[in-house]
Amino acid sequence: MEPSNPRSQRAHEQRPAQAFACPAAAAVALAVIGLVAVLIAFGLGSAGTGLRIAAGVVTVAIVLVAPGFVVVQPNESRVLILFGRYVGTVTEARLWWVNPFTIIWRATISLRVRNFQSERIKVNDASGNPIEIAAVVVWRVIDTAKAAFDVEDFRQFVVVQSETSLRHLANQYPYDDYSQQATSLRANGDEVRVGLQSELQERLATAGIDVLETRLTHLAYAPEIAEVMLRRQQAEAILAARRKMVAGAVGIVQMAVAQLADSDLFDLDPERKAAMVSNLMVVLSGDHAPTPVLNTGSLYT
C-alpha cells in the first residue's frame, strides 16, 4: 500500500505567480513579426534558403512564446498549473506573459461579489415547530488556490453549506419567544444574522470564500400550523394589551381615590371607597363604552 503524502493533504494558499508585465505594443509587434516570418518561411517572394530557415526558426520560437500571453480582466484571476503543480495566481488586470506550458491548465476565477438566494426550506425550530426559512448570502472568493483545489466545486459548496447553516440556525432558536427571555428568530434579527454569518464564514473558509453579509429573506410558520400560531399570537397580543390597560386603570384609580381623600367634598368610608374603585375599574378596563345606571336610592338600601 502506497503511503500518503502529507504535503498533498495540506490546504492550499494563494500566492502570486511568476509573471512579466507585457505592454500591448510589444504583443502587437510580436504578432506582426510572427506573421512576416510565417510568410517568408512558406516561400513568399524570392527569399533565399538561409532567410527562410531563419524565418522558420523565428516562427517556431513565436509559436512557443505566444501561449504565454495571458489577459486578466478587472476583478478576475488566472490560476496557473505547471505539470500538475500549482505555481501561483495572477490577479492584476493587464496583459501578462507567464510560463507558456501552463496553457495546458489555466483556470479563470472571478473575484467579483456574488449573491446566493437560498430556496425556502422547511425545518423545525428550537421549540419543535415547523417553519419556513430562506436567506441571502453575499460572498466573494479571496483565496483562488483553496477555491480551485480544496473543494470540488466552490459554487456548489456555497449552496450546500449555506442551506446547512440555515437549517442549523433554525434548530438553535425558537421562531418566537413568548417568555421574552431568550433569543428568537423573529424578534432578534440582528443577533440571528450575526450568528448565521459567523457559522457560514467558518464553513466556507475551507474554500477560500469571504462572507460579506447574510440576511433572512423569508421567515414564517409552515402552512399546516400557521393558523394555530396566528391565534396564539393574537391571544398573546390581547393579553399584553389587557395587562397594559389594567396597569393604567390601577394608576388612575389610585390617583382618583387620593385626590378625593384630600378634598373636603365628602368622606369615603371603606364600603363606598370599595364600590367606587370597583366601578372605576369596570369603566377603565372594559372593552366597550360603559352604560350609566342611575341609582335613585342610597348605597346602603
Protein backbone atom coordinates (compact mmCIF):
# COMPACT_ATOMS: atom_id res chain seq x y z
CA MET A 1 0.00 0.00 0.00
CA GLU A 2 1.45 3.35 -1.06
CA PRO A 3 1.87 5.76 1.89
CA SER A 4 0.02 9.04 1.65
CA ASN A 5 1.99 12.21 1.12
CA PRO A 6 1.35 14.72 3.96
CA ARG A 7 2.12 17.62 1.64
CA SER A 8 -0.66 16.60 -0.76
CA GLN A 9 -3.23 16.77 2.06
CA ARG A 10 -2.41 20.30 3.17
CA ALA A 11 -4.74 23.17 2.40
CA HIS A 12 -3.51 25.30 -0.46
CA GLU A 13 -2.82 29.00 -0.10
CA GLN A 14 -2.89 31.59 -2.84
CA ARG A 15 0.46 33.03 -3.89
CA PRO A 16 1.46 35.31 -6.76
CA ALA A 17 2.62 33.62 -9.94
CA GLN A 18 5.88 34.46 -11.65
CA ALA A 19 4.63 36.70 -14.45
CA PHE A 20 6.03 39.52 -16.51
CA ALA A 21 4.00 42.61 -17.39
CA CYS A 22 3.81 42.94 -21.15
CA PRO A 23 2.93 46.19 -22.97
CA ALA A 24 0.23 45.82 -25.55
CA ALA A 25 2.53 47.30 -28.21
CA ALA A 26 5.09 44.53 -27.65
CA ALA A 27 2.42 41.87 -28.17
CA VAL A 28 1.27 43.53 -31.40
CA ALA A 29 4.85 43.82 -32.65
CA LEU A 30 5.47 40.14 -31.87
CA ALA A 31 2.35 39.18 -33.77
CA VAL A 32 3.45 41.20 -36.82
CA ILE A 33 6.92 39.67 -36.73
CA GLY A 34 5.40 36.23 -36.47
CA LEU A 35 3.15 36.84 -39.46
CA VAL A 36 6.05 38.07 -41.58
CA ALA A 37 8.19 35.11 -40.51
CA VAL A 38 5.46 32.66 -41.46
CA LEU A 39 5.05 34.24 -44.88
CA ILE A 40 8.79 34.13 -45.53
CA ALA A 41 9.16 30.58 -44.23
CA PHE A 42 6.48 29.32 -46.58
CA GLY A 43 8.07 30.77 -49.68
CA LEU A 44 6.54 34.22 -50.13
CA GLY A 45 8.65 36.25 -52.51
CA SER A 46 12.18 35.40 -53.65
CA ALA A 47 13.76 34.94 -50.23
CA GLY A 48 16.90 32.81 -50.05
CA THR A 49 17.17 29.47 -48.30
CA GLY A 50 19.04 30.95 -45.34
CA LEU A 51 16.39 33.61 -44.81
CA ARG A 52 13.66 31.02 -44.95
CA ILE A 53 15.42 28.89 -42.35
CA ALA A 54 15.79 31.92 -40.09
CA ALA A 55 12.14 32.77 -40.61
CA GLY A 56 11.20 29.21 -39.72
CA VAL A 57 13.22 29.37 -36.53
CA VAL A 58 11.52 32.67 -35.61
CA THR A 59 8.15 31.13 -36.34
CA VAL A 60 8.81 28.15 -34.06
CA ALA A 61 10.06 30.47 -31.31
CA ILE A 62 6.97 32.65 -31.55
CA VAL A 63 4.71 29.59 -31.51
CA LEU A 64 6.37 28.53 -28.26
CA VAL A 65 6.29 32.00 -26.73
CA ALA A 66 2.79 33.09 -27.76
CA PRO A 67 0.84 30.73 -25.41
CA GLY A 68 2.45 32.53 -22.51
CA PHE A 69 0.40 35.69 -23.07
CA VAL A 70 -2.48 36.00 -20.61
CA VAL A 71 -5.05 38.78 -20.38
CA VAL A 72 -6.50 39.31 -16.91
CA GLN A 73 -9.74 41.27 -16.72
CA PRO A 74 -10.65 43.53 -13.76
CA ASN A 75 -11.78 41.51 -10.72
CA GLU A 76 -10.66 38.27 -12.33
CA SER A 77 -7.78 35.91 -11.66
CA ARG A 78 -5.87 33.22 -13.52
CA VAL A 79 -4.78 30.14 -11.58
CA LEU A 80 -1.72 28.54 -13.20
CA ILE A 81 -0.75 24.85 -13.10
CA LEU A 82 2.56 23.56 -14.45
CA PHE A 83 2.64 19.78 -14.96
CA GLY A 84 0.29 19.13 -12.06
CA ARG A 85 1.85 21.64 -9.65
CA TYR A 86 0.26 24.90 -8.57
CA VAL A 87 2.66 27.73 -9.49
CA GLY A 88 0.62 30.78 -8.50
CA THR A 89 -2.22 33.13 -9.35
CA VAL A 90 -2.26 36.29 -11.45
CA THR A 91 -4.79 38.83 -10.16
CA GLU A 92 -3.77 42.27 -11.52
CA ALA A 93 -5.75 43.35 -14.57
CA ARG A 94 -3.46 43.75 -17.59
CA LEU A 95 -1.55 41.76 -20.24
CA TRP A 96 0.94 39.31 -18.75
CA TRP A 97 3.46 36.79 -20.02
CA VAL A 98 3.74 33.60 -17.98
CA ASN A 99 5.26 30.18 -18.49
CA PRO A 100 3.74 29.06 -21.81
CA PHE A 101 3.44 25.44 -20.69
CA THR A 102 0.79 26.47 -18.14
CA ILE A 103 -1.62 26.76 -21.07
CA ILE A 104 -2.40 23.10 -20.50
CA TRP A 105 -4.34 24.07 -17.33
CA ARG A 106 -5.37 27.63 -16.54
CA ALA A 107 -8.45 28.37 -14.51
CA THR A 108 -10.26 31.70 -14.58
CA ILE A 109 -11.87 32.51 -11.23
CA SER A 110 -13.93 35.65 -10.77
CA LEU A 111 -13.20 37.82 -7.73
CA ARG A 112 -16.45 39.76 -8.06
CA VAL A 113 -19.03 39.94 -5.27
CA ARG A 114 -21.81 37.39 -5.76
CA ASN A 115 -25.26 36.76 -4.29
CA PHE A 116 -26.81 33.45 -3.39
CA GLN A 117 -30.56 33.34 -2.69
CA SER A 118 -31.48 30.12 -0.94
CA GLU A 119 -34.72 28.28 -1.53
CA ARG A 120 -37.41 28.26 1.12
CA ILE A 121 -36.69 25.25 3.28
CA LYS A 122 -38.93 23.67 5.92
CA VAL A 123 -37.25 22.91 9.24
CA ASN A 124 -38.19 22.61 12.92
CA ASP A 125 -37.20 25.46 15.21
CA ALA A 126 -35.85 25.03 18.75
CA SER A 127 -39.41 24.54 20.06
CA GLY A 128 -40.15 21.80 17.52
CA ASN A 129 -42.50 23.93 15.41
CA PRO A 130 -42.18 23.53 11.61
CA ILE A 131 -41.19 26.82 9.97
CA GLU A 132 -40.19 28.02 6.53
CA ILE A 133 -36.96 29.99 6.26
CA ALA A 134 -34.77 31.41 3.49
CA ALA A 135 -31.71 33.68 3.37
CA VAL A 136 -29.47 35.60 1.01
CA VAL A 137 -25.68 35.29 1.21
CA VAL A 138 -23.28 37.88 -0.24
CA TRP A 139 -19.84 36.36 -0.84
CA ARG A 140 -16.65 36.56 -2.88
CA VAL A 141 -13.53 34.47 -3.47
CA ILE A 142 -10.45 35.74 -1.66
CA ASP A 143 -8.18 32.68 -1.99
CA THR A 144 -8.20 31.24 -5.50
CA ALA A 145 -5.95 28.31 -4.60
CA LYS A 146 -8.39 26.98 -1.99
CA ALA A 147 -11.35 27.60 -4.28
CA ALA A 148 -9.71 25.70 -7.13
CA PHE A 149 -8.04 22.78 -5.34
CA ASP A 150 -9.50 22.24 -1.86
CA VAL A 151 -13.16 21.75 -2.88
CA GLU A 152 -14.76 20.03 -5.86
CA ASP A 153 -16.90 22.98 -6.96
CA PHE A 154 -16.75 26.13 -4.83
CA ARG A 155 -20.07 27.46 -6.19
CA GLN A 156 -21.94 24.29 -5.24
CA PHE A 157 -20.04 24.30 -1.96
CA VAL A 158 -21.54 27.71 -1.13
CA VAL A 159 -25.04 26.45 -1.91
CA VAL A 160 -24.81 23.30 0.23
CA GLN A 161 -23.08 24.94 3.18
CA SER A 162 -25.49 27.89 3.17
CA GLU A 163 -28.51 25.62 3.39
CA THR A 164 -26.81 23.50 6.06
CA SER A 165 -26.00 26.56 8.17
CA LEU A 166 -29.54 27.87 7.73
CA ARG A 167 -31.03 24.61 8.97
CA HIS A 168 -28.69 24.55 11.95
CA LEU A 169 -29.56 28.16 12.77
CA ALA A 170 -33.30 27.44 12.72
CA ASN A 171 -32.78 24.49 15.07
CA GLN A 172 -30.95 26.67 17.59
CA TYR A 173 -33.60 29.37 18.12
CA PRO A 174 -37.38 29.36 18.53
CA TYR A 175 -39.46 31.21 15.98
CA ASP A 176 -40.92 33.41 18.69
CA ASP A 177 -40.03 33.60 22.38
CA TYR A 178 -43.20 34.05 24.43
CA SER A 179 -41.31 34.22 27.71
CA GLN A 180 -39.25 37.19 26.47
CA GLN A 181 -36.07 35.73 27.97
CA ALA A 182 -34.29 34.08 25.04
CA THR A 183 -33.21 34.95 21.52
CA SER A 184 -35.83 34.24 18.84
CA LEU A 185 -35.73 34.25 15.07
CA ARG A 186 -38.48 36.85 14.71
CA ALA A 187 -37.58 39.28 17.48
CA ASN A 188 -33.76 39.21 17.35
CA GLY A 189 -32.98 39.59 13.68
CA ASP A 190 -29.55 41.20 14.12
CA GLU A 191 -28.28 38.56 16.53
CA VAL A 192 -29.55 35.78 14.29
CA ARG A 193 -27.91 37.37 11.24
CA VAL A 194 -24.56 37.68 13.02
CA GLY A 195 -24.75 34.06 14.17
CA LEU A 196 -25.55 32.84 10.66
CA GLN A 197 -22.71 34.85 9.10
CA SER A 198 -20.20 33.65 11.70
CA GLU A 199 -21.08 29.98 11.23
CA LEU A 200 -21.18 30.25 7.45
CA GLN A 201 -17.81 32.03 7.36
CA GLU A 202 -16.28 29.20 9.36
CA ARG A 203 -17.69 26.62 6.96
CA LEU A 204 -16.70 28.45 3.76
CA ALA A 205 -13.15 29.29 4.88
CA THR A 206 -12.15 25.88 3.52
CA ALA A 207 -12.95 27.11 0.01
CA GLY A 208 -11.22 30.48 0.40
CA ILE A 209 -14.52 32.40 0.43
CA ASP A 210 -15.28 35.55 2.39
CA VAL A 211 -18.90 36.02 3.53
CA LEU A 212 -19.70 39.73 3.29
CA GLU A 213 -23.31 39.67 4.50
CA THR A 214 -26.14 37.31 5.36
CA ARG A 215 -29.79 38.21 5.86
CA LEU A 216 -33.02 36.30 6.29
CA THR A 217 -35.38 36.94 3.39
CA HIS A 218 -38.28 34.73 4.48
CA LEU A 219 -39.45 33.56 7.88
CA ALA A 220 -42.88 32.10 8.56
CA TYR A 221 -44.62 29.20 10.20
CA ALA A 222 -45.30 26.21 7.98
CA PRO A 223 -48.79 26.31 6.42
CA GLU A 224 -50.08 23.39 8.48
CA ILE A 225 -49.65 25.28 11.79
CA ALA A 226 -49.76 28.88 10.59
CA GLU A 227 -53.42 29.41 11.54
CA VAL A 228 -52.97 27.96 15.03
CA MET A 229 -49.86 30.03 15.67
CA LEU A 230 -51.63 33.14 14.41
CA ARG A 231 -54.36 32.64 17.00
CA ARG A 232 -51.69 32.18 19.64
CA GLN A 233 -50.01 35.42 18.63
CA GLN A 234 -53.37 37.20 18.74
CA ALA A 235 -54.01 35.83 22.23
CA GLU A 236 -50.57 36.99 23.37
CA ALA A 237 -51.24 40.44 21.94
CA ILE A 238 -54.64 40.66 23.65
CA LEU A 239 -53.12 39.54 26.95
CA ALA A 240 -50.35 42.13 26.70
CA ALA A 241 -52.91 44.83 25.93
CA ARG A 242 -55.04 43.76 28.90
CA ARG A 243 -52.04 43.98 31.21
CA LYS A 244 -51.32 47.47 29.94
CA MET A 245 -54.94 48.55 30.43
CA VAL A 246 -55.17 47.12 33.94
CA ALA A 247 -51.89 48.75 34.97
CA GLY A 248 -53.12 52.09 33.65
CA ALA A 249 -56.54 51.71 35.30
CA VAL A 250 -54.98 50.94 38.69
CA GLY A 251 -52.89 54.09 38.44
CA ILE A 252 -55.91 56.23 37.56
CA VAL A 253 -57.99 54.76 40.40
CA GLN A 254 -55.20 55.34 42.90
CA MET A 255 -54.90 58.95 41.77
CA ALA A 256 -58.70 59.50 41.95
CA VAL A 257 -59.00 57.99 45.43
CA ALA A 258 -56.06 60.04 46.71
CA GLN A 259 -57.46 63.29 45.33
CA LEU A 260 -60.95 62.61 46.75
CA ALA A 261 -59.45 61.76 50.14
CA ASP A 262 -57.57 65.09 50.16
CA SER A 263 -60.65 67.10 49.22
CA ASP A 264 -63.41 68.25 51.57
CA LEU A 265 -66.30 67.26 49.32
CA PHE A 266 -67.32 64.17 51.30
CA ASP A 267 -65.84 61.41 53.37
CA LEU A 268 -65.33 57.97 51.89
CA ASP A 269 -65.87 55.11 54.23
CA PRO A 270 -64.32 51.73 53.25
CA GLU A 271 -67.54 50.42 51.70
CA ARG A 272 -68.07 53.48 49.46
CA LYS A 273 -64.39 53.51 48.55
CA ALA A 274 -64.60 49.84 47.51
CA ALA A 275 -67.71 50.50 45.39
CA MET A 276 -66.08 53.49 43.67
CA VAL A 277 -62.89 51.52 42.95
CA SER A 278 -64.95 48.64 41.51
CA ASN A 279 -66.94 50.97 39.25
CA LEU A 280 -63.85 52.80 38.03
CA MET A 281 -62.01 49.55 37.23
CA VAL A 282 -65.01 48.27 35.25
CA VAL A 283 -65.23 51.53 33.29
CA LEU A 284 -61.50 51.85 32.59
CA SER A 285 -60.78 48.17 31.81
CA GLY A 286 -63.83 47.27 29.75
CA ASP A 287 -63.83 46.60 26.01
CA HIS A 288 -66.94 48.68 25.34
CA ALA A 289 -68.17 52.10 26.40
CA PRO A 290 -69.86 51.96 29.83
CA THR A 291 -73.65 52.23 30.16
CA PRO A 292 -74.55 54.55 33.06
CA VAL A 293 -77.10 53.38 35.61
CA LEU A 294 -78.89 55.95 37.79
CA ASN A 295 -79.21 54.95 41.41
CA THR A 296 -82.24 56.68 42.98
CA GLY A 297 -81.66 55.15 46.36
CA SER A 298 -78.62 55.06 48.55
CA LEU A 299 -75.65 52.72 48.69
CA TYR A 300 -76.99 51.14 51.90
CA THR A 301 -80.56 50.43 50.76
